[in-house]
C-alpha atoms as a PDB file:
ATOM      1  CA  MET A   1     208.519 140.793 421.544  1.00  0.00           C
ATOM      2  CA  ILE A   2     207.387 140.843 417.791  1.00  0.00           C
ATOM      3  CA  ARG A   3     205.400 137.880 416.201  1.00  0.00           C
ATOM      4  CA  VAL A   4     205.459 136.733 412.760  1.00  0.00           C
ATOM      5  CA  ASN A   5     202.372 134.710 410.966  1.00  0.00           C
ATOM      6  CA  LEU A   6     204.182 132.294 408.945  1.00  0.00           C
ATOM      7  CA  LEU A   7     200.652 130.448 407.983  1.00  0.00           C
ATOM      8  CA  PRO A   8     199.371 130.676 404.190  1.00  0.00           C
ATOM      9  CA  HIS A   9     196.644 133.182 404.997  1.00  0.00           C
ATOM     10  CA  ARG A  10     195.692 134.210 401.561  1.00  0.00           C
ATOM     11  CA  GLU A  11     195.702 130.685 400.779  1.00  0.00           C
ATOM     12  CA  MET A  12     193.058 130.271 403.683  1.00  0.00           C
ATOM     13  CA  LYS A  13     190.994 133.000 403.070  1.00  0.00           C
ATOM     14  CA  ARG A  14     190.615 132.226 399.142  1.00  0.00           C
ATOM     15  CA  ALA A  15     189.614 128.684 400.359  1.00  0.00           C
ATOM     16  CA  ALA A  16     187.293 130.247 402.912  1.00  0.00           C
ATOM     17  CA  GLN A  17     185.868 131.988 399.721  1.00  0.00           C
ATOM     18  CA  ARG A  18     185.599 129.009 397.887  1.00  0.00           C
ATOM     19  CA  ARG A  19     183.641 127.232 400.703  1.00  0.00           C
ATOM     20  CA  ALA A  20     181.250 130.371 401.122  1.00  0.00           C
ATOM     21  CA  PHE A  21     180.727 130.338 397.409  1.00  0.00           C
ATOM     22  CA  ILE A  22     179.996 126.942 396.942  1.00  0.00           C
ATOM     23  CA  LEU A  23     177.456 126.864 400.252  1.00  0.00           C
ATOM     24  CA  ALA A  24     175.370 129.809 398.344  1.00  0.00           C
ATOM     25  CA  ALA A  25     175.738 127.918 394.722  1.00  0.00           C
ATOM     26  CA  VAL A  26     174.280 124.933 396.710  1.00  0.00           C
ATOM     27  CA  ALA A  27     171.996 127.044 398.571  1.00  0.00           C
ATOM     28  CA  MET A  28     170.871 128.481 395.531  1.00  0.00           C
ATOM     29  CA  ILE A  29     170.238 125.676 393.361  1.00  0.00           C
ATOM     30  CA  ALA A  30     168.704 124.107 396.562  1.00  0.00           C
ATOM     31  CA  ILE A  31     166.192 126.854 396.325  1.00  0.00           C
ATOM     32  CA  GLY A  32     165.660 127.039 392.836  1.00  0.00           C
ATOM     33  CA  ALA A  33     164.972 123.132 392.859  1.00  0.00           C
ATOM     34  CA  VAL A  34     161.885 123.803 395.469  1.00  0.00           C
ATOM     35  CA  THR A  35     161.002 126.841 393.540  1.00  0.00           C
ATOM     36  CA  VAL A  36     160.691 124.897 390.536  1.00  0.00           C
ATOM     37  CA  PHE A  37     158.877 121.734 392.672  1.00  0.00           C
ATOM     38  CA  LEU A  38     156.496 123.886 393.915  1.00  0.00           C
ATOM     39  CA  VAL A  39     155.632 125.861 390.951  1.00  0.00           C
ATOM     40  CA  HIS A  40     155.596 122.443 388.992  1.00  0.00           C
ATOM     41  CA  GLY A  41     153.022 121.169 391.782  1.00  0.00           C
ATOM     42  CA  VAL A  42     150.898 124.481 391.435  1.00  0.00           C
ATOM     43  CA  LEU A  43     150.825 124.179 387.667  1.00  0.00           C
ATOM     44  CA  ALA A  44     150.316 120.563 387.615  1.00  0.00           C
ATOM     45  CA  SER A  45     147.168 120.939 390.439  1.00  0.00           C
ATOM     46  CA  ARG A  46     145.940 123.692 388.246  1.00  0.00           C
ATOM     47  CA  ILE A  47     146.107 121.581 385.138  1.00  0.00           C
ATOM     48  CA  GLU A  48     144.366 118.814 386.588  1.00  0.00           C
ATOM     49  CA  ALA A  49     141.815 120.866 388.121  1.00  0.00           C
ATOM     50  CA  GLN A  50     141.136 122.594 384.470  1.00  0.00           C
ATOM     51  CA  ALA A  51     140.910 118.973 382.780  1.00  0.00           C
ATOM     52  CA  ALA A  52     138.527 117.743 385.212  1.00  0.00           C
ATOM     53  CA  ARG A  53     136.380 121.148 384.322  1.00  0.00           C
ATOM     54  CA  ASN A  54     136.824 120.486 380.854  1.00  0.00           C
ATOM     55  CA  LYS A  55     135.747 116.740 381.677  1.00  0.00           C
ATOM     56  CA  PHE A  56     132.677 117.710 383.172  1.00  0.00           C
ATOM     57  CA  LEU A  57     131.653 120.194 380.718  1.00  0.00           C
ATOM     58  CA  ASP A  58     131.769 117.706 377.811  1.00  0.00           C
ATOM     59  CA  GLU A  59     129.937 115.485 379.812  1.00  0.00           C
ATOM     60  CA  GLN A  60     126.927 118.130 380.212  1.00  0.00           C
ATOM     61  CA  ILE A  61     127.678 119.145 376.580  1.00  0.00           C
ATOM     62  CA  VAL A  62     126.974 115.568 375.628  1.00  0.00           C
ATOM     63  CA  ALA A  63     123.769 115.591 377.876  1.00  0.00           C
ATOM     64  CA  VAL A  64     122.372 118.729 376.564  1.00  0.00           C
ATOM     65  CA  ASP A  65     122.780 117.571 373.198  1.00  0.00           C
ATOM     66  CA  LYS A  66     120.887 114.679 373.574  1.00  0.00           C
ATOM     67  CA  GLN A  67     118.355 116.749 375.559  1.00  0.00           C
ATOM     68  CA  ILE A  68     118.501 119.135 372.024  1.00  0.00           C
ATOM     69  CA  ALA A  69     117.955 115.718 370.393  1.00  0.00           C
ATOM     70  CA  GLU A  70     114.821 114.581 372.352  1.00  0.00           C
ATOM     71  CA  ILE A  71     113.204 117.981 372.679  1.00  0.00           C
ATOM     72  CA  ARG A  72     113.705 118.035 368.703  1.00  0.00           C
ATOM     73  CA  ARG A  73     112.117 114.642 367.993  1.00  0.00           C
ATOM     74  CA  ILE A  74     109.139 115.443 370.348  1.00  0.00           C
ATOM     75  CA  ARG A  75     108.456 118.731 368.580  1.00  0.00           C
ATOM     76  CA  GLU A  76     108.210 116.855 365.500  1.00  0.00           C
ATOM     77  CA  GLN A  77     106.533 114.476 366.788  1.00  0.00           C
ATOM     78  CA  THR A  78     104.300 117.338 367.972  1.00  0.00           C
ATOM     79  CA  GLN A  79     103.986 118.934 364.513  1.00  0.00           C
ATOM     80  CA  GLN A  80     103.079 115.279 362.989  1.00  0.00           C
ATOM     81  CA  LEU A  81     100.217 115.270 365.508  1.00  0.00           C
ATOM     82  CA  LEU A  82      99.109 118.724 364.410  1.00  0.00           C
ATOM     83  CA  ALA A  83      99.117 117.944 361.032  1.00  0.00           C
ATOM     84  CA  ARG A  84      97.100 115.036 361.383  1.00  0.00           C
ATOM     85  CA  LYS A  85      94.861 116.675 363.481  1.00  0.00           C
ATOM     86  CA  GLN A  86      94.495 119.303 360.807  1.00  0.00           C
ATOM     87  CA  VAL A  87      93.850 116.632 358.107  1.00  0.00           C
ATOM     88  CA  VAL A  88      91.060 114.964 360.290  1.00  0.00           C
ATOM     89  CA  GLU A  89      89.643 118.185 361.224  1.00  0.00           C
ATOM     90  CA  THR A  90      89.430 119.404 357.091  1.00  0.00           C
ATOM     91  CA  LEU A  91      88.200 115.893 356.388  1.00  0.00           C
ATOM     92  CA  GLN A  92      85.645 116.199 358.816  1.00  0.00           C
ATOM     93  CA  SER A  93      84.516 119.590 357.671  1.00  0.00           C
ATOM     94  CA  ASN A  94      84.797 118.705 354.087  1.00  0.00           C
ATOM     95  CA  ARG A  95      82.411 115.485 354.554  1.00  0.00           C
ATOM     96  CA  GLU A  96      80.210 117.907 356.125  1.00  0.00           C
ATOM     97  CA  GLU A  97      80.328 120.278 353.648  1.00  0.00           C
ATOM     98  CA  VAL A  98      80.146 117.802 350.640  1.00  0.00           C
ATOM     99  CA  VAL A  99      76.836 116.411 352.476  1.00  0.00           C
ATOM    100  CA  ARG A 100      75.317 119.839 352.716  1.00  0.00           C
ATOM    101  CA  LEU A 101      76.182 120.621 349.043  1.00  0.00           C
ATOM    102  CA  PHE A 102      74.283 117.552 347.807  1.00  0.00           C
ATOM    103  CA  ASP A 103      71.566 118.312 349.761  1.00  0.00           C
ATOM    104  CA  GLN A 104      71.185 121.914 349.004  1.00  0.00           C
ATOM    105  CA  ILE A 105      71.262 121.183 345.192  1.00  0.00           C
ATOM    106  CA  ALA A 106      69.111 118.117 345.451  1.00  0.00           C
ATOM    107  CA  ARG A 107      66.592 120.806 347.554  1.00  0.00           C
ATOM    108  CA  GLN A 108      67.004 123.671 344.617  1.00  0.00           C
ATOM    109  CA  LEU A 109      66.588 121.489 341.651  1.00  0.00           C
ATOM    110  CA  PRO A 110      63.631 121.764 339.659  1.00  0.00           C
ATOM    111  CA  ASP A 111      61.636 119.143 337.685  1.00  0.00           C
ATOM    112  CA  GLY A 112      63.026 118.656 333.873  1.00  0.00           C
ATOM    113  CA  VAL A 113      66.427 119.608 335.050  1.00  0.00           C
ATOM    114  CA  TYR A 114      69.235 116.986 335.441  1.00  0.00           C
ATOM    115  CA  LEU A 115      72.979 116.889 336.501  1.00  0.00           C
ATOM    116  CA  ARG A 116      75.358 115.049 334.870  1.00  0.00           C
ATOM    117  CA  ASN A 117      78.230 116.209 336.782  1.00  0.00           C
ATOM    118  CA  MET A 118      79.604 118.589 339.665  1.00  0.00           C
ATOM    119  CA  LYS A 119      83.273 119.797 340.582  1.00  0.00           C
ATOM    120  CA  GLN A 120      84.492 121.622 343.526  1.00  0.00           C
ATOM    121  CA  THR A 121      87.228 123.910 343.573  1.00  0.00           C
ATOM    122  CA  GLY A 122      88.035 125.860 346.752  1.00  0.00           C
ATOM    123  CA  ASN A 123      84.547 127.268 347.254  1.00  0.00           C
ATOM    124  CA  LYS A 124      83.764 127.033 343.642  1.00  0.00           C
ATOM    125  CA  VAL A 125      81.149 124.494 342.424  1.00  0.00           C
ATOM    126  CA  ASN A 126      81.064 123.567 338.692  1.00  0.00           C
ATOM    127  CA  ILE A 127      77.616 122.387 337.862  1.00  0.00           C
ATOM    128  CA  VAL A 128      77.230 120.721 334.196  1.00  0.00           C
ATOM    129  CA  GLY A 129      73.498 118.963 333.221  1.00  0.00           C
ATOM    130  CA  TYR A 130      70.680 119.046 331.259  1.00  0.00           C
ATOM    131  CA  ALA A 131      67.370 120.929 331.097  1.00  0.00           C
ATOM    132  CA  GLN A 132      64.351 120.274 329.238  1.00  0.00           C
ATOM    133  CA  SER A 133      63.799 123.917 328.185  1.00  0.00           C
ATOM    134  CA  ASN A 134      66.181 127.252 328.901  1.00  0.00           C
ATOM    135  CA  ALA A 135      63.497 128.899 331.400  1.00  0.00           C
ATOM    136  CA  ARG A 136      63.995 125.595 333.555  1.00  0.00           C
ATOM    137  CA  VAL A 137      67.776 126.956 333.722  1.00  0.00           C
ATOM    138  CA  SER A 138      66.443 130.408 334.385  1.00  0.00           C
ATOM    139  CA  THR A 139      64.560 128.371 337.592  1.00  0.00           C
ATOM    140  CA  LEU A 140      67.715 126.808 338.431  1.00  0.00           C
ATOM    141  CA  LEU A 141      69.811 129.935 338.753  1.00  0.00           C
ATOM    142  CA  ARG A 142      67.120 131.569 340.914  1.00  0.00           C
ATOM    143  CA  ASN A 143      66.815 128.403 343.160  1.00  0.00           C
ATOM    144  CA  LEU A 144      70.195 128.422 343.865  1.00  0.00           C
ATOM    145  CA  GLU A 145      70.545 131.578 344.630  1.00  0.00           C
ATOM    146  CA  SER A 146      67.694 131.809 347.231  1.00  0.00           C
ATOM    147  CA  SER A 147      69.735 129.161 348.811  1.00  0.00           C
ATOM    148  CA  PRO A 148      71.662 130.255 352.455  1.00  0.00           C
ATOM    149  CA  TRP A 149      74.466 128.515 351.571  1.00  0.00           C
ATOM    150  CA  LEU A 150      74.976 128.986 348.100  1.00  0.00           C
ATOM    151  CA  ASP A 151      75.922 132.185 346.203  1.00  0.00           C
ATOM    152  CA  ASN A 152      76.814 133.803 342.855  1.00  0.00           C
ATOM    153  CA  ALA A 153      75.215 131.466 340.629  1.00  0.00           C
ATOM    154  CA  THR A 154      76.176 132.055 336.840  1.00  0.00           C
ATOM    155  CA  LEU A 155      75.353 130.520 333.752  1.00  0.00           C
ATOM    156  CA  VAL A 156      78.614 129.745 332.190  1.00  0.00           C
ATOM    157  CA  GLU A 157      77.054 128.429 328.544  1.00  0.00           C
ATOM    158  CA  ILE A 158      74.121 126.748 327.667  1.00  0.00           C
ATOM    159  CA  LYS A 159      73.573 124.910 324.049  1.00  0.00           C
ATOM    160  CA  ALA A 160      71.293 122.672 322.478  1.00  0.00           C
ATOM    161  CA  ALA A 161      72.486 119.090 322.855  1.00  0.00           C
ATOM    162  CA  THR A 162      71.216 115.217 322.023  1.00  0.00           C
ATOM    163  CA  VAL A 163      70.725 113.176 324.789  1.00  0.00           C
ATOM    164  CA  ALA A 164      70.797 109.293 323.591  1.00  0.00           C
ATOM    165  CA  GLY A 165      67.361 107.487 324.876  1.00  0.00           C
ATOM    166  CA  GLN A 166      67.612 104.070 326.792  1.00  0.00           C
ATOM    167  CA  GLY A 167      66.567 100.856 324.940  1.00  0.00           C
ATOM    168  CA  GLY A 168      66.821 102.259 321.401  1.00  0.00           C
ATOM    169  CA  GLN A 169      64.492 105.003 322.258  1.00  0.00           C
ATOM    170  CA  GLN A 170      65.020 107.679 319.961  1.00  0.00           C
ATOM    171  CA  GLY A 171      67.506 110.708 321.434  1.00  0.00           C
ATOM    172  CA  GLN A 172      66.001 113.474 323.412  1.00  0.00           C
ATOM    173  CA  ARG A 173      66.733 117.139 322.363  1.00  0.00           C
ATOM    174  CA  LEU A 174      67.654 119.273 325.646  1.00  0.00           C
ATOM    175  CA  SER A 175      69.790 121.869 326.762  1.00  0.00           C
ATOM    176  CA  GLU A 176      72.832 121.341 328.079  1.00  0.00           C
ATOM    177  CA  PHE A 177      74.263 124.090 330.570  1.00  0.00           C
ATOM    178  CA  ILE A 178      77.247 124.957 332.778  1.00  0.00           C
ATOM    179  CA  VAL A 179      76.218 126.912 335.924  1.00  0.00           C
ATOM    180  CA  ASN A 180      79.379 127.958 338.658  1.00  0.00           C
ATOM    181  CA  VAL A 181      77.997 128.818 341.996  1.00  0.00           C
ATOM    182  CA  ASP A 182      79.981 129.798 345.325  1.00  0.00           C
ATOM    183  CA  VAL A 183      79.689 127.672 348.661  1.00  0.00           C
ATOM    184  CA  ALA A 184      78.471 130.259 351.046  1.00  0.00           C
ATOM    185  CA  ARG A 185      80.127 130.235 354.885  1.00  0.00           C
ATOM    186  CA  ARG A 186      82.757 127.609 353.624  1.00  0.00           C
ATOM    187  CA  ASN A 187      85.821 127.305 355.967  1.00  0.00           C
ATOM    188  CA  SER A 188      88.661 128.638 354.414  1.00  0.00           C
ATOM    189  CA  GLU A 189      91.151 125.757 352.907  1.00  0.00           C
ATOM    190  CA  THR A 190      93.362 125.382 350.197  1.00  0.00           C
ATOM    191  CA  GLY A 191      93.570 123.006 347.312  1.00  0.00           C
ATOM    192  CA  ALA A 192      91.101 121.259 345.043  1.00  0.00           C
ATOM    193  CA  ALA A 193      88.434 119.199 345.910  1.00  0.00           C
ATOM    194  CA  ALA A 194      86.156 116.892 343.636  1.00  0.00           C
ATOM    195  CA  VAL A 195      82.801 116.612 344.262  1.00  0.00           C
ATOM    196  CA  PRO A 196      82.176 112.649 343.007  1.00  0.00           C
ATOM    197  CA  GLY A 197      79.305 111.411 341.796  1.00  0.00           C
ATOM    198  CA  THR A 198      76.043 113.192 340.638  1.00  0.00           C
ATOM    199  CA  ALA A 199      73.361 114.797 342.357  1.00  0.00           C
ATOM    200  CA  PRO A 200      70.463 113.534 342.796  1.00  0.00           C
ATOM    201  CA  ALA A 201      66.716 114.738 340.995  1.00  0.00           C
ATOM    202  CA  ALA A 202      63.846 116.138 342.026  1.00  0.00           C
ATOM    203  CA  PRO A 203      61.208 113.645 342.845  1.00  0.00           C
ATOM    204  CA  GLY A 204      59.323 112.164 339.594  1.00  0.00           C
ATOM    205  CA  ALA A 205      62.283 113.230 337.436  1.00  0.00           C
ATOM    206  CA  ALA A 206      64.829 110.768 336.063  1.00  0.00           C
ATOM    207  CA  ALA A 207      68.470 111.509 335.475  1.00  0.00           C
ATOM    208  CA  ALA A 208      69.543 111.632 331.983  1.00  0.00           C
ATOM    209  CA  LYS A 209      73.214 109.968 331.333  1.00  0.00           C
ATOM    210  CA  LYS A 210      75.247 111.340 328.302  1.00  0.00           C
END
């Protein structure tokens, strides 16, 4: 017996193919959506972790900047304290040196020699004064050379001068001299330091003022 299939098998096959295509398309869309969601989640997690690390680094940078500023401030304070300490030590050294200088000048000053002014620049001392004779100036130079604290005594100038007397007395003819001398064994320093005042004269001699 011959059987004839009268059903629309072509249409059914096409419908089955369409259903299979739709199912495959839906599956692909679902897989794509899941993949996109997973990738987005992973990227979002990494971005959040990197943002947290960036925030931590920013906080650490701020803390380090504060520490650096504090270190600089402490360093500046230390430098200021060291500078003050150096100034105090220099002043102490200068004070002792000035006292020693006055003592040495007074010890080496012969009779008949009077000092008008002294000025110290570095280790050089400039002495201006009056003497009753040129021989007394020579004695002063020899005395200065013999001092353990003074050296290189040099006569710069000597000339005749008239010093006005006190109380209407007649002026006295004296030799005005300028002498330079070095301070030996002096601590190294820079700048000029003036030695104020006039060195005391030898016992029995009165200081003459110009």
